[in-house]
Amino acid sequence: MEEKEIGYISNYFSKLSVAVVEITSGTLSVGDTLRIKGHTTDFELKVSSMQIEHEMVTEAKKGDGIGLKVSEKVRKGDKVYRVIED
């Protein structure tokens, strides 16, 4: 499987388990698989829903900041990769 860097974590709300992902390249859609990797972070998750400014969206593009529910703790600066399935 190939991975393409699409952004980074700019904020994390631990009580809600929500990460803010800044999209720096490409697009992200509901149903995509992400890998979040950092100094102490390394896990995959499937995007089940995402929000921009508290509005549900199905796709995000370069320049967007999205809210994303995550299953594990993430940290500011962690890299976000989209997993490209063969």
Protein backbone atom coordinates (compact mmCIF):
# COMPACT_ATOMS: atom_id res chain seq x y z
CA MET A 1 0.00 0.00 0.00
CA GLU A 2 1.15 3.47 -0.86
CA GLU A 3 0.77 6.51 1.40
CA LYS A 4 0.53 10.14 0.32
CA GLU A 5 1.00 12.98 2.79
CA ILE A 6 -2.07 15.20 2.70
CA GLY A 7 -1.73 17.34 5.82
CA TYR A 8 -0.94 17.67 9.50
CA ILE A 9 -2.65 17.92 12.89
CA SER A 10 -3.04 21.57 13.90
CA ASN A 11 -5.09 21.01 17.05
CA TYR A 12 -6.51 18.22 19.21
CA PHE A 13 -9.45 18.26 21.61
CA SER A 14 -8.89 15.35 23.99
CA LYS A 15 -12.31 15.47 25.71
CA LEU A 16 -14.04 15.09 22.33
CA SER A 17 -11.33 12.92 20.68
CA VAL A 18 -11.42 15.30 17.73
CA ALA A 19 -8.39 16.31 15.69
CA VAL A 20 -8.17 19.36 13.45
CA VAL A 21 -6.42 18.39 10.20
CA GLU A 22 -5.04 21.07 7.88
CA ILE A 23 -5.15 19.72 4.32
CA THR A 24 -1.94 20.81 2.54
CA SER A 25 -2.25 18.74 -0.66
CA GLY A 26 -4.77 16.59 -2.49
CA THR A 27 -8.28 15.78 -1.32
CA LEU A 28 -9.85 13.69 1.41
CA SER A 29 -13.24 11.96 1.23
CA VAL A 30 -15.44 10.08 3.67
CA GLY A 31 -14.48 6.42 3.38
CA ASP A 32 -10.75 7.08 2.85
CA THR A 33 -8.23 5.41 5.13
CA LEU A 34 -5.77 7.68 6.93
CA ARG A 35 -2.52 7.01 8.73
CA ILE A 36 -1.54 9.48 11.40
CA LYS A 37 2.13 9.38 12.25
CA GLY A 38 4.21 11.42 14.67
CA HIS A 39 6.90 11.15 17.33
CA THR A 40 4.77 8.85 19.52
CA THR A 41 1.76 8.40 17.22
CA ASP A 42 1.26 5.76 14.52
CA PHE A 43 -2.18 4.37 13.68
CA GLU A 44 -4.69 4.03 10.85
CA LEU A 45 -8.34 4.99 10.81
CA LYS A 46 -11.17 5.07 8.30
CA VAL A 47 -12.84 8.46 7.81
CA SER A 48 -16.47 7.97 8.82
CA SER A 49 -17.37 11.67 8.98
CA MET A 50 -15.72 15.06 8.96
CA GLN A 51 -16.72 18.66 9.53
CA ILE A 52 -15.67 22.08 8.30
CA GLU A 53 -16.84 24.91 10.59
CA HIS A 54 -19.30 22.50 12.34
CA GLU A 55 -20.93 21.56 9.00
CA MET A 56 -20.81 17.92 7.87
CA VAL A 57 -18.94 17.50 4.58
CA THR A 58 -18.11 14.50 2.40
CA GLU A 59 -14.95 15.91 0.83
CA ALA A 60 -12.16 18.32 1.79
CA LYS A 61 -9.49 19.88 -0.42
CA LYS A 62 -6.17 21.67 -0.08
CA GLY A 63 -6.53 24.68 2.21
CA ASP A 64 -9.38 23.25 4.27
CA GLY A 65 -9.18 22.68 8.03
CA ILE A 66 -11.38 19.74 9.01
CA GLY A 67 -12.57 18.30 12.29
CA LEU A 68 -12.09 14.55 12.45
CA LYS A 69 -13.05 12.04 15.16
CA VAL A 70 -9.97 9.97 16.06
CA SER A 71 -9.62 6.71 17.98
CA GLU A 72 -6.29 7.52 19.64
CA LYS A 73 -4.53 10.58 21.02
CA VAL A 74 -2.78 12.72 18.42
CA ARG A 75 -0.44 15.66 18.81
CA LYS A 76 0.02 18.98 17.03
CA GLY A 77 2.41 18.53 14.13
CA ASP A 78 1.65 14.83 13.53
CA LYS A 79 1.64 14.08 9.80
CA VAL A 80 -1.53 12.80 8.12
CA TYR A 81 -1.24 10.40 5.18
CA ARG A 82 -3.97 9.01 2.91
CA VAL A 83 -3.53 5.28 2.36
CA ILE A 84 -3.87 4.40 -1.32
CA GLU A 85 -5.08 0.83 -1.69
CA ASP A 86 -3.84 -1.18 -4.65
